[in-house]
Amino acid sequence: MGLNKEEEEILKQIELGLTKEDPELEKTAESLTLSNFSRSRSLISFIAFIIGFFMMIGSYIIQPLIAVIGFVIMALSGYVFVTNTRALLKAENIDEWNFKQIFQLIRNKDTSRQNK
């Protein structure tokens, strides 16, 4: 359900008032998007996956418990990566899972597809 003209005018006045009072808030609100949030969490979870992988491989003979912990880290970070990558693709209005596309999205800070 859309807003009527009176409600839109009230929202515009509130936005202008907030912009005049605190211009830093406007810059912060513009930079905090779902794409940026999902992109950073996907990157962090990928790094955690690599760390868990090396923990698992490097310690399975010496200390199996550390290898199990590494596997758990891998599993959890893999879940977080897939979840955030799905959210990133949805925020960027992309319907396909393509490694090249995902790699470009995570590297690229451009969120121009959100407006389409």
Protein backbone atom coordinates (compact mmCIF):
# COMPACT_ATOMS: atom_id res chain seq x y z
CA MET A 1 0.00 0.00 0.00
CA GLY A 2 1.50 3.28 -1.09
CA LEU A 3 1.61 6.55 0.78
CA ASN A 4 -0.78 9.34 -0.02
CA LYS A 5 0.51 12.80 -0.96
CA GLU A 6 0.15 14.19 2.55
CA GLU A 7 2.21 11.37 4.04
CA GLU A 8 4.87 11.73 1.33
CA GLU A 9 5.12 15.46 2.08
CA ILE A 10 5.52 14.76 5.81
CA LEU A 11 8.29 12.24 5.09
CA LYS A 12 10.07 14.73 2.82
CA GLN A 13 9.93 17.38 5.54
CA ILE A 14 11.31 14.95 8.11
CA GLU A 15 14.10 13.95 5.73
CA LEU A 16 15.03 17.58 5.01
CA GLY A 17 15.00 18.39 8.73
CA LEU A 18 17.29 15.45 9.54
CA THR A 19 19.60 16.38 6.68
CA LYS A 20 19.94 19.94 7.97
CA GLU A 21 20.45 18.86 11.58
CA ASP A 22 22.95 16.06 10.96
CA PRO A 23 24.57 15.76 7.52
CA GLU A 24 26.80 12.93 8.77
CA LEU A 25 23.70 10.84 9.47
CA GLU A 26 22.67 11.18 5.84
CA LYS A 27 26.07 10.00 4.62
CA THR A 28 26.02 7.08 7.06
CA ALA A 29 22.50 6.04 6.06
CA GLU A 30 23.42 6.12 2.36
CA SER A 31 26.48 3.92 2.88
CA LEU A 32 24.68 1.30 5.02
CA THR A 33 22.91 -0.89 2.51
CA LEU A 34 22.00 -4.55 2.45
CA SER A 35 24.54 -5.07 -0.33
CA ASN A 36 27.42 -3.63 1.68
CA PHE A 37 26.42 -5.61 4.77
CA SER A 38 26.05 -8.88 2.87
CA ARG A 39 29.24 -8.27 0.90
CA SER A 40 31.35 -7.77 4.02
CA ARG A 41 29.83 -10.75 5.85
CA SER A 42 30.35 -12.97 2.79
CA LEU A 43 33.99 -11.95 2.63
CA ILE A 44 34.56 -12.52 6.35
CA SER A 45 32.86 -15.92 6.24
CA PHE A 46 34.98 -16.95 3.24
CA ILE A 47 38.14 -16.06 5.17
CA ALA A 48 36.83 -18.00 8.20
CA PHE A 49 36.17 -20.99 5.91
CA ILE A 50 39.79 -20.93 4.72
CA ILE A 51 41.06 -20.70 8.31
CA GLY A 52 38.84 -23.63 9.35
CA PHE A 53 40.06 -25.64 6.37
CA PHE A 54 43.71 -25.14 7.29
CA MET A 55 42.93 -25.92 10.94
CA MET A 56 41.29 -29.16 9.91
CA ILE A 57 43.97 -30.26 7.45
CA GLY A 58 46.91 -29.13 9.58
CA SER A 59 45.87 -30.81 12.80
CA TYR A 60 43.95 -33.98 11.98
CA ILE A 61 46.94 -36.24 12.80
CA ILE A 62 48.34 -34.30 15.76
CA GLN A 63 45.10 -33.31 17.52
CA PRO A 64 41.80 -34.61 16.12
CA LEU A 65 39.78 -32.31 18.39
CA ILE A 66 41.26 -29.23 16.70
CA ALA A 67 40.43 -30.80 13.33
CA VAL A 68 36.80 -31.21 14.43
CA ILE A 69 36.72 -27.58 15.57
CA GLY A 70 38.15 -26.58 12.18
CA PHE A 71 35.40 -28.57 10.46
CA VAL A 72 32.72 -26.87 12.56
CA ILE A 73 34.19 -23.47 11.66
CA MET A 74 34.12 -24.48 7.99
CA ALA A 75 30.51 -25.64 8.18
CA LEU A 76 29.25 -22.54 9.98
CA SER A 77 31.16 -20.11 7.79
CA GLY A 78 29.97 -21.94 4.67
CA TYR A 79 26.38 -21.53 5.85
CA VAL A 80 26.91 -17.82 6.58
CA PHE A 81 28.59 -17.36 3.18
CA VAL A 82 25.72 -18.97 1.27
CA THR A 83 23.07 -17.08 3.25
CA ASN A 84 24.74 -13.70 2.75
CA THR A 85 25.53 -14.38 -0.88
CA ARG A 86 21.86 -15.14 -1.50
CA ALA A 87 20.92 -11.87 0.22
CA LEU A 88 23.52 -10.01 -1.86
CA LEU A 89 22.20 -11.50 -5.10
CA LYS A 90 18.65 -10.64 -4.09
CA ALA A 91 19.64 -7.06 -3.20
CA GLU A 92 21.37 -6.70 -6.56
CA ASN A 93 18.35 -8.19 -8.41
CA ILE A 94 20.31 -11.14 -9.79
CA ASP A 95 18.65 -14.55 -10.10
CA GLU A 96 21.59 -16.76 -11.11
CA TRP A 97 24.32 -18.47 -9.11
CA ASN A 98 27.45 -17.99 -11.17
CA PHE A 99 30.92 -18.10 -9.58
CA LYS A 100 32.22 -15.35 -11.84
CA GLN A 101 29.19 -13.16 -11.09
CA ILE A 102 29.48 -13.72 -7.32
CA PHE A 103 33.22 -12.99 -7.37
CA GLN A 104 32.61 -9.72 -9.21
CA LEU A 105 29.83 -8.73 -6.81
CA ILE A 106 31.96 -9.36 -3.73
CA ARG A 107 34.92 -7.46 -5.20
CA ASN A 108 32.86 -4.62 -6.64
CA LYS A 109 31.46 -1.94 -4.35
CA ASP A 110 28.98 -0.69 -6.97
CA THR A 111 25.35 -1.24 -6.04
CA SER A 112 23.82 0.32 -9.14
CA ARG A 113 21.62 -2.73 -9.84
CA GLN A 114 19.50 -2.07 -6.75
CA ASN A 115 17.54 0.66 -8.50
CA LYS A 116 16.50 -1.48 -11.48
